[in-house]
Amino acid sequence: MKLFKLLFAAVAFFSTGVLSAQLAHPHFISLNAGTNIPLSVYREIDSLSSAGANPGIYYSFEAGAYFSKLLGIGVNIGAFNNSVDDQGIIDQLKTDIRFRNLNFDITSKSWTNGYIMLGPYFSFGSQNFIVDLKVLGGIINSERPFVNIQSKDDNYEFNSAAVYGASFGVNYGVHFRIRLKGKLALRLNGEGMLATQEFEEKITETLASGASQAERRQTVTREISALNLGVGLIINL
């Protein structure tokens, strides 16, 4: 029991010291950039049109206003882009016995995802080092890319147009502010992005016979999930 009381007193003393050294209101603005890592089904191919995503880049503007030393509200506006896994499409095609021995040319654009998020920030630390925790909600708008597939050896072509989807999304993460000079600080970022989008696919195919099928449309659901890892320059206001 005495040991527990001593530990509790030590934690309370440390916490009081940290909070007294922290900025009274750790407001901030930040510009961030880094790598985007697709997660789960976003990096996988669930159909030729809903192609898998490669690692890409992200960039964002973020700002927060605080009610106290610990609690604030902020906004995160940004985007992340991912090229299509073209080789994965070819590998999937060759699982079909009809295409096993064919060679393909793939033309595609990138996944583009823009977002605006709003929500609470919980921060603690000192004037020289601050940890930010956040769980935000908002809108993610996604462009599922144009994909065109042509066989070199046979009269087969697949064309999927670019389409857009928007839905509610979640942005959660942790950030570390390291003071450089005055109010300027370095920010180390780790955050997750998550949304489920619906896309109205528009697909045309030219078969081996040379006959072009009519454009077909279908609604598909695609989970967009990714991890942003990067750095930023931050001004503590």
C-alpha atoms as a PDB file:
ATOM      1  CA  MET A   1       0.000   0.000   0.000  1.00  0.00           C
ATOM      2  CA  LYS A   2       2.846   2.409   0.884  1.00  0.00           C
ATOM      3  CA  LEU A   3       4.568   1.622  -2.432  1.00  0.00           C
ATOM      4  CA  PHE A   4       1.323   2.355  -4.311  1.00  0.00           C
ATOM      5  CA  LYS A   5       0.987   5.704  -2.509  1.00  0.00           C
ATOM      6  CA  LEU A   6       4.570   6.614  -3.348  1.00  0.00           C
ATOM      7  CA  LEU A   7       4.064   5.746  -7.020  1.00  0.00           C
ATOM      8  CA  PHE A   8       0.821   7.721  -7.158  1.00  0.00           C
ATOM      9  CA  ALA A   9       2.508  10.741  -5.546  1.00  0.00           C
ATOM     10  CA  ALA A  10       5.414  10.537  -8.002  1.00  0.00           C
ATOM     11  CA  VAL A  11       3.072  10.394 -11.021  1.00  0.00           C
ATOM     12  CA  ALA A  12       0.985  13.278  -9.672  1.00  0.00           C
ATOM     13  CA  PHE A  13       4.117  15.367  -9.025  1.00  0.00           C
ATOM     14  CA  PHE A  14       5.476  14.662 -12.521  1.00  0.00           C
ATOM     15  CA  SER A  15       2.130  15.455 -14.169  1.00  0.00           C
ATOM     16  CA  THR A  16       1.871  18.739 -12.270  1.00  0.00           C
ATOM     17  CA  GLY A  17       5.356  19.714 -13.379  1.00  0.00           C
ATOM     18  CA  VAL A  18       4.678  18.879 -17.005  1.00  0.00           C
ATOM     19  CA  LEU A  19       1.393  20.772 -17.088  1.00  0.00           C
ATOM     20  CA  SER A  20       2.880  23.815 -15.402  1.00  0.00           C
ATOM     21  CA  ALA A  21       5.677  23.891 -18.021  1.00  0.00           C
ATOM     22  CA  GLN A  22       3.309  23.443 -20.973  1.00  0.00           C
ATOM     23  CA  LEU A  23       2.043  26.363 -23.007  1.00  0.00           C
ATOM     24  CA  ALA A  24      -1.057  27.896 -21.426  1.00  0.00           C
ATOM     25  CA  HIS A  25      -2.910  27.503 -24.744  1.00  0.00           C
ATOM     26  CA  PRO A  26      -0.890  25.439 -27.277  1.00  0.00           C
ATOM     27  CA  HIS A  27      -2.591  26.863 -30.402  1.00  0.00           C
ATOM     28  CA  PHE A  28      -0.851  25.942 -33.655  1.00  0.00           C
ATOM     29  CA  ILE A  29      -0.820  26.048 -37.426  1.00  0.00           C
ATOM     30  CA  SER A  30       1.096  23.445 -39.423  1.00  0.00           C
ATOM     31  CA  LEU A  31       2.048  22.490 -42.988  1.00  0.00           C
ATOM     32  CA  ASN A  32       2.689  18.750 -43.416  1.00  0.00           C
ATOM     33  CA  ALA A  33       3.836  16.288 -46.075  1.00  0.00           C
ATOM     34  CA  GLY A  34       5.037  12.716 -46.259  1.00  0.00           C
ATOM     35  CA  THR A  35       4.326   9.200 -47.462  1.00  0.00           C
ATOM     36  CA  ASN A  36       0.894   7.573 -47.648  1.00  0.00           C
ATOM     37  CA  ILE A  37       0.683   3.819 -47.049  1.00  0.00           C
ATOM     38  CA  PRO A  38      -2.495   2.038 -48.291  1.00  0.00           C
ATOM     39  CA  LEU A  39      -4.005  -0.399 -45.801  1.00  0.00           C
ATOM     40  CA  SER A  40      -6.398  -3.337 -45.966  1.00  0.00           C
ATOM     41  CA  VAL A  41      -8.496  -3.683 -49.146  1.00  0.00           C
ATOM     42  CA  TYR A  42      -7.413  -0.255 -50.446  1.00  0.00           C
ATOM     43  CA  ARG A  43      -4.074  -1.801 -51.436  1.00  0.00           C
ATOM     44  CA  GLU A  44      -5.711  -4.894 -52.931  1.00  0.00           C
ATOM     45  CA  ILE A  45      -7.461  -5.517 -56.245  1.00  0.00           C
ATOM     46  CA  ASP A  46     -11.085  -6.552 -55.807  1.00  0.00           C
ATOM     47  CA  SER A  47     -11.937  -5.999 -59.481  1.00  0.00           C
ATOM     48  CA  LEU A  48     -10.145  -4.771 -62.600  1.00  0.00           C
ATOM     49  CA  SER A  49     -11.728  -1.354 -62.241  1.00  0.00           C
ATOM     50  CA  SER A  50     -11.270  -1.038 -58.477  1.00  0.00           C
ATOM     51  CA  ALA A  51      -7.528  -1.413 -58.804  1.00  0.00           C
ATOM     52  CA  GLY A  52      -5.149  -1.731 -55.877  1.00  0.00           C
ATOM     53  CA  ALA A  53      -3.251   1.326 -54.637  1.00  0.00           C
ATOM     54  CA  ASN A  54       0.525   1.720 -54.331  1.00  0.00           C
ATOM     55  CA  PRO A  55       2.211   3.808 -51.610  1.00  0.00           C
ATOM     56  CA  GLY A  56       1.966   7.496 -52.448  1.00  0.00           C
ATOM     57  CA  ILE A  57       2.209  10.953 -50.913  1.00  0.00           C
ATOM     58  CA  TYR A  58       0.073  13.143 -48.683  1.00  0.00           C
ATOM     59  CA  TYR A  59       0.062  16.849 -47.896  1.00  0.00           C
ATOM     60  CA  SER A  60      -2.071  18.854 -45.485  1.00  0.00           C
ATOM     61  CA  PHE A  61      -2.728  22.084 -43.618  1.00  0.00           C
ATOM     62  CA  GLU A  62      -3.692  21.715 -39.973  1.00  0.00           C
ATOM     63  CA  ALA A  63      -4.617  24.219 -37.264  1.00  0.00           C
ATOM     64  CA  GLY A  64      -5.852  24.013 -33.696  1.00  0.00           C
ATOM     65  CA  ALA A  65      -7.295  26.404 -31.104  1.00  0.00           C
ATOM     66  CA  TYR A  66      -7.237  25.410 -27.422  1.00  0.00           C
ATOM     67  CA  PHE A  67      -9.678  26.050 -24.601  1.00  0.00           C
ATOM     68  CA  SER A  68      -7.048  25.084 -22.010  1.00  0.00           C
ATOM     69  CA  LYS A  69      -3.578  23.551 -21.713  1.00  0.00           C
ATOM     70  CA  LEU A  70      -4.960  20.160 -22.677  1.00  0.00           C
ATOM     71  CA  LEU A  71      -8.073  20.403 -24.823  1.00  0.00           C
ATOM     72  CA  GLY A  72      -8.688  22.114 -28.150  1.00  0.00           C
ATOM     73  CA  ILE A  73     -10.500  21.841 -31.451  1.00  0.00           C
ATOM     74  CA  GLY A  74      -8.886  21.815 -34.854  1.00  0.00           C
ATOM     75  CA  VAL A  75      -9.202  21.348 -38.596  1.00  0.00           C
ATOM     76  CA  ASN A  76      -7.193  19.176 -40.998  1.00  0.00           C
ATOM     77  CA  ILE A  77      -7.425  19.877 -44.758  1.00  0.00           C
ATOM     78  CA  GLY A  78      -5.389  17.790 -47.181  1.00  0.00           C
ATOM     79  CA  ALA A  79      -5.129  15.092 -49.815  1.00  0.00           C
ATOM     80  CA  PHE A  80      -3.323  11.840 -50.589  1.00  0.00           C
ATOM     81  CA  ASN A  81      -2.550  10.305 -53.985  1.00  0.00           C
ATOM     82  CA  ASN A  82      -1.725   6.713 -54.892  1.00  0.00           C
ATOM     83  CA  SER A  83      -0.751   5.223 -58.235  1.00  0.00           C
ATOM     84  CA  VAL A  84      -2.480   2.044 -59.432  1.00  0.00           C
ATOM     85  CA  ASP A  85      -0.853  -1.358 -58.985  1.00  0.00           C
ATOM     86  CA  ASP A  86      -0.669  -2.139 -62.736  1.00  0.00           C
ATOM     87  CA  GLN A  87       1.301  -5.348 -62.262  1.00  0.00           C
ATOM     88  CA  GLY A  88      -1.326  -6.575 -59.820  1.00  0.00           C
ATOM     89  CA  ILE A  89      -3.990  -6.124 -62.532  1.00  0.00           C
ATOM     90  CA  ILE A  90      -1.918  -8.193 -64.981  1.00  0.00           C
ATOM     91  CA  ASP A  91      -1.387 -10.915 -62.372  1.00  0.00           C
ATOM     92  CA  GLN A  92      -5.137 -11.038 -61.720  1.00  0.00           C
ATOM     93  CA  LEU A  93      -5.944 -11.282 -65.438  1.00  0.00           C
ATOM     94  CA  LYS A  94      -3.566 -14.204 -65.841  1.00  0.00           C
ATOM     95  CA  THR A  95      -5.433 -16.216 -63.230  1.00  0.00           C
ATOM     96  CA  ASP A  96      -8.120 -16.551 -65.937  1.00  0.00           C
ATOM     97  CA  ILE A  97      -7.234 -19.373 -68.336  1.00  0.00           C
ATOM     98  CA  ARG A  98      -8.382 -17.209 -71.282  1.00  0.00           C
ATOM     99  CA  PHE A  99      -5.610 -14.676 -70.629  1.00  0.00           C
ATOM    100  CA  ARG A 100      -2.900 -16.851 -69.125  1.00  0.00           C
ATOM    101  CA  ASN A 101      -0.516 -16.566 -72.073  1.00  0.00           C
ATOM    102  CA  LEU A 102      -1.335 -13.014 -73.165  1.00  0.00           C
ATOM    103  CA  ASN A 103       0.691  -9.839 -72.716  1.00  0.00           C
ATOM    104  CA  PHE A 104      -1.046  -6.644 -71.635  1.00  0.00           C
ATOM    105  CA  ASP A 105      -0.513  -2.907 -71.716  1.00  0.00           C
ATOM    106  CA  ILE A 106      -2.006  -1.032 -68.757  1.00  0.00           C
ATOM    107  CA  THR A 107      -2.759   2.686 -68.773  1.00  0.00           C
ATOM    108  CA  SER A 108      -4.019   4.197 -65.541  1.00  0.00           C
ATOM    109  CA  LYS A 109      -4.213   7.356 -63.490  1.00  0.00           C
ATOM    110  CA  SER A 110      -3.824   7.706 -59.734  1.00  0.00           C
ATOM    111  CA  TRP A 111      -6.256   7.437 -56.865  1.00  0.00           C
ATOM    112  CA  THR A 112      -6.869  10.970 -55.520  1.00  0.00           C
ATOM    113  CA  ASN A 113      -8.439  11.549 -52.111  1.00  0.00           C
ATOM    114  CA  GLY A 114      -9.173  14.994 -50.672  1.00  0.00           C
ATOM    115  CA  TYR A 115     -10.475  15.585 -47.153  1.00  0.00           C
ATOM    116  CA  ILE A 116     -11.553  18.167 -44.616  1.00  0.00           C
ATOM    117  CA  MET A 117     -11.744  17.047 -40.973  1.00  0.00           C
ATOM    118  CA  LEU A 118     -12.823  18.715 -37.743  1.00  0.00           C
ATOM    119  CA  GLY A 119     -12.678  17.565 -34.148  1.00  0.00           C
ATOM    120  CA  PRO A 120     -10.998  17.530 -30.731  1.00  0.00           C
ATOM    121  CA  TYR A 121      -7.279  17.551 -29.929  1.00  0.00           C
ATOM    122  CA  PHE A 122      -5.808  16.451 -26.601  1.00  0.00           C
ATOM    123  CA  SER A 123      -2.267  17.717 -26.015  1.00  0.00           C
ATOM    124  CA  PHE A 124       0.270  17.444 -23.218  1.00  0.00           C
ATOM    125  CA  GLY A 125       3.993  18.059 -22.708  1.00  0.00           C
ATOM    126  CA  SER A 126       6.271  21.031 -22.191  1.00  0.00           C
ATOM    127  CA  GLN A 127       7.195  24.191 -24.081  1.00  0.00           C
ATOM    128  CA  ASN A 128       9.909  22.239 -25.927  1.00  0.00           C
ATOM    129  CA  PHE A 129       8.023  18.994 -26.608  1.00  0.00           C
ATOM    130  CA  ILE A 130       4.262  18.485 -27.027  1.00  0.00           C
ATOM    131  CA  VAL A 131       2.285  15.347 -27.876  1.00  0.00           C
ATOM    132  CA  ASP A 132      -1.004  15.821 -29.775  1.00  0.00           C
ATOM    133  CA  LEU A 133      -3.705  13.145 -29.889  1.00  0.00           C
ATOM    134  CA  LYS A 134      -6.746  13.544 -32.151  1.00  0.00           C
ATOM    135  CA  VAL A 135      -9.898  11.859 -33.460  1.00  0.00           C
ATOM    136  CA  LEU A 136     -11.532  13.924 -36.231  1.00  0.00           C
ATOM    137  CA  GLY A 137     -14.508  13.445 -38.526  1.00  0.00           C
ATOM    138  CA  GLY A 138     -15.454  14.978 -41.854  1.00  0.00           C
ATOM    139  CA  ILE A 139     -15.735  14.461 -45.589  1.00  0.00           C
ATOM    140  CA  ILE A 140     -13.408  12.436 -47.841  1.00  0.00           C
ATOM    141  CA  ASN A 141     -13.876  12.833 -51.598  1.00  0.00           C
ATOM    142  CA  SER A 142     -12.245  10.076 -53.660  1.00  0.00           C
ATOM    143  CA  GLU A 143     -11.543   9.728 -57.379  1.00  0.00           C
ATOM    144  CA  ARG A 144     -11.341   6.111 -58.432  1.00  0.00           C
ATOM    145  CA  PRO A 145      -8.895   6.215 -61.365  1.00  0.00           C
ATOM    146  CA  PHE A 146      -9.293   5.641 -65.079  1.00  0.00           C
ATOM    147  CA  VAL A 147      -7.974   2.174 -66.035  1.00  0.00           C
ATOM    148  CA  ASN A 148      -7.445   0.928 -69.589  1.00  0.00           C
ATOM    149  CA  ILE A 149      -6.243  -2.593 -70.400  1.00  0.00           C
ATOM    150  CA  GLN A 150      -5.234  -3.771 -73.884  1.00  0.00           C
ATOM    151  CA  SER A 151      -3.878  -7.148 -74.913  1.00  0.00           C
ATOM    152  CA  LYS A 152      -0.927  -7.226 -77.309  1.00  0.00           C
ATOM    153  CA  ASP A 153      -1.784 -10.697 -78.628  1.00  0.00           C
ATOM    154  CA  ASP A 154      -5.557 -10.678 -78.857  1.00  0.00           C
ATOM    155  CA  ASN A 155      -8.417  -8.313 -79.574  1.00  0.00           C
ATOM    156  CA  TYR A 156      -9.335  -7.579 -75.979  1.00  0.00           C
ATOM    157  CA  GLU A 157      -9.734  -4.170 -74.362  1.00  0.00           C
ATOM    158  CA  PHE A 158     -11.122  -3.131 -70.995  1.00  0.00           C
ATOM    159  CA  ASN A 159     -11.883   0.478 -70.192  1.00  0.00           C
ATOM    160  CA  SER A 160     -13.058   1.846 -66.845  1.00  0.00           C
ATOM    161  CA  ALA A 161     -13.690   5.603 -66.597  1.00  0.00           C
ATOM    162  CA  ALA A 162     -12.691   7.710 -63.614  1.00  0.00           C
ATOM    163  CA  VAL A 163     -15.548   8.197 -61.142  1.00  0.00           C
ATOM    164  CA  TYR A 164     -15.993  10.080 -57.879  1.00  0.00           C
ATOM    165  CA  GLY A 165     -17.404   9.238 -54.481  1.00  0.00           C
ATOM    166  CA  ALA A 166     -17.783  11.211 -51.236  1.00  0.00           C
ATOM    167  CA  SER A 167     -18.680  10.071 -47.739  1.00  0.00           C
ATOM    168  CA  PHE A 168     -18.091  10.617 -44.044  1.00  0.00           C
ATOM    169  CA  GLY A 169     -14.560   9.735 -42.979  1.00  0.00           C
ATOM    170  CA  VAL A 170     -12.443   9.498 -39.833  1.00  0.00           C
ATOM    171  CA  ASN A 171      -8.948  10.878 -39.210  1.00  0.00           C
ATOM    172  CA  TYR A 172      -7.126   9.737 -36.069  1.00  0.00           C
ATOM    173  CA  GLY A 173      -3.516   9.981 -34.995  1.00  0.00           C
ATOM    174  CA  VAL A 174      -0.655  11.208 -32.859  1.00  0.00           C
ATOM    175  CA  HIS A 175       1.788  14.078 -33.517  1.00  0.00           C
ATOM    176  CA  PHE A 176       4.973  15.190 -31.778  1.00  0.00           C
ATOM    177  CA  ARG A 177       5.988  18.853 -31.691  1.00  0.00           C
ATOM    178  CA  ILE A 178       9.714  19.488 -31.145  1.00  0.00           C
ATOM    179  CA  ARG A 179      10.616  23.131 -30.570  1.00  0.00           C
ATOM    180  CA  LEU A 180      13.288  24.502 -32.925  1.00  0.00           C
ATOM    181  CA  LYS A 181      13.484  28.234 -32.238  1.00  0.00           C
ATOM    182  CA  GLY A 182      11.030  30.694 -30.769  1.00  0.00           C
ATOM    183  CA  LYS A 183       7.532  29.635 -31.811  1.00  0.00           C
ATOM    184  CA  LEU A 184       8.776  27.465 -34.702  1.00  0.00           C
ATOM    185  CA  ALA A 185       8.749  23.699 -34.203  1.00  0.00           C
ATOM    186  CA  LEU A 186       9.247  20.443 -36.106  1.00  0.00           C
ATOM    187  CA  ARG A 187       6.232  18.153 -36.197  1.00  0.00           C
ATOM    188  CA  LEU A 188       6.417  14.356 -36.580  1.00  0.00           C
ATOM    189  CA  ASN A 189       3.115  12.959 -37.848  1.00  0.00           C
ATOM    190  CA  GLY A 190       1.417   9.573 -37.751  1.00  0.00           C
ATOM    191  CA  GLU A 191      -2.271   9.439 -38.646  1.00  0.00           C
ATOM    192  CA  GLY A 192      -4.851   7.089 -40.101  1.00  0.00           C
ATOM    193  CA  MET A 193      -7.528   7.866 -42.710  1.00  0.00           C
ATOM    194  CA  LEU A 194     -10.676   5.766 -43.083  1.00  0.00           C
ATOM    195  CA  ALA A 195     -13.796   6.035 -45.270  1.00  0.00           C
ATOM    196  CA  THR A 196     -16.146   3.765 -47.221  1.00  0.00           C
ATOM    197  CA  GLN A 197     -16.997   5.060 -50.693  1.00  0.00           C
ATOM    198  CA  GLU A 198     -19.622   4.087 -53.257  1.00  0.00           C
ATOM    199  CA  PHE A 199     -18.636   4.339 -56.918  1.00  0.00           C
ATOM    200  CA  GLU A 200     -20.891   4.115 -59.968  1.00  0.00           C
ATOM    201  CA  GLU A 201     -18.603   2.119 -62.272  1.00  0.00           C
ATOM    202  CA  LYS A 202     -18.736   2.690 -66.030  1.00  0.00           C
ATOM    203  CA  ILE A 203     -17.132  -0.164 -67.959  1.00  0.00           C
ATOM    204  CA  THR A 204     -16.748  -1.075 -71.626  1.00  0.00           C
ATOM    205  CA  GLU A 205     -15.085  -4.214 -72.998  1.00  0.00           C
ATOM    206  CA  THR A 206     -14.048  -5.334 -76.458  1.00  0.00           C
ATOM    207  CA  LEU A 207     -14.038  -9.123 -76.638  1.00  0.00           C
ATOM    208  CA  ALA A 208     -11.758 -11.453 -78.560  1.00  0.00           C
ATOM    209  CA  SER A 209     -14.338 -11.602 -81.364  1.00  0.00           C
ATOM    210  CA  GLY A 210     -13.924  -7.853 -81.867  1.00  0.00           C
ATOM    211  CA  ALA A 211     -17.486  -7.106 -80.764  1.00  0.00           C
ATOM    212  CA  SER A 212     -17.738  -4.192 -78.365  1.00  0.00           C
ATOM    213  CA  GLN A 213     -20.156  -4.651 -75.515  1.00  0.00           C
ATOM    214  CA  ALA A 214     -22.444  -1.839 -74.470  1.00  0.00           C
ATOM    215  CA  GLU A 215     -21.272   0.246 -71.547  1.00  0.00           C
ATOM    216  CA  ARG A 216     -22.363  -1.310 -68.288  1.00  0.00           C
ATOM    217  CA  ARG A 217     -22.787   0.410 -64.976  1.00  0.00           C
ATOM    218  CA  GLN A 218     -22.696  -1.009 -61.499  1.00  0.00           C
ATOM    219  CA  THR A 219     -22.412   0.390 -58.004  1.00  0.00           C
ATOM    220  CA  VAL A 220     -19.509  -0.908 -55.938  1.00  0.00           C
ATOM    221  CA  THR A 221     -18.393  -0.170 -52.397  1.00  0.00           C
ATOM    222  CA  ARG A 222     -14.721   0.454 -51.719  1.00  0.00           C
ATOM    223  CA  GLU A 223     -13.012   0.951 -48.370  1.00  0.00           C
ATOM    224  CA  ILE A 224     -10.413   3.712 -48.457  1.00  0.00           C
ATOM    225  CA  SER A 225      -7.980   3.250 -45.575  1.00  0.00           C
ATOM    226  CA  ALA A 226      -4.416   4.509 -45.315  1.00  0.00           C
ATOM    227  CA  LEU A 227      -1.663   5.615 -42.971  1.00  0.00           C
ATOM    228  CA  ASN A 228       0.049   9.011 -43.327  1.00  0.00           C
ATOM    229  CA  LEU A 229       3.622   9.218 -42.024  1.00  0.00           C
ATOM    230  CA  GLY A 230       5.509  12.481 -42.420  1.00  0.00           C
ATOM    231  CA  VAL A 231       6.852  15.724 -41.035  1.00  0.00           C
ATOM    232  CA  GLY A 232       5.663  19.290 -40.803  1.00  0.00           C
ATOM    233  CA  LEU A 233       6.683  22.798 -39.857  1.00  0.00           C
ATOM    234  CA  ILE A 234       4.518  24.136 -37.077  1.00  0.00           C
ATOM    235  CA  ILE A 235       4.074  27.536 -35.446  1.00  0.00           C
ATOM    236  CA  ASN A 236       2.924  27.479 -31.831  1.00  0.00           C
ATOM    237  CA  LEU A 237       0.740  30.555 -31.416  1.00  0.00           C
END
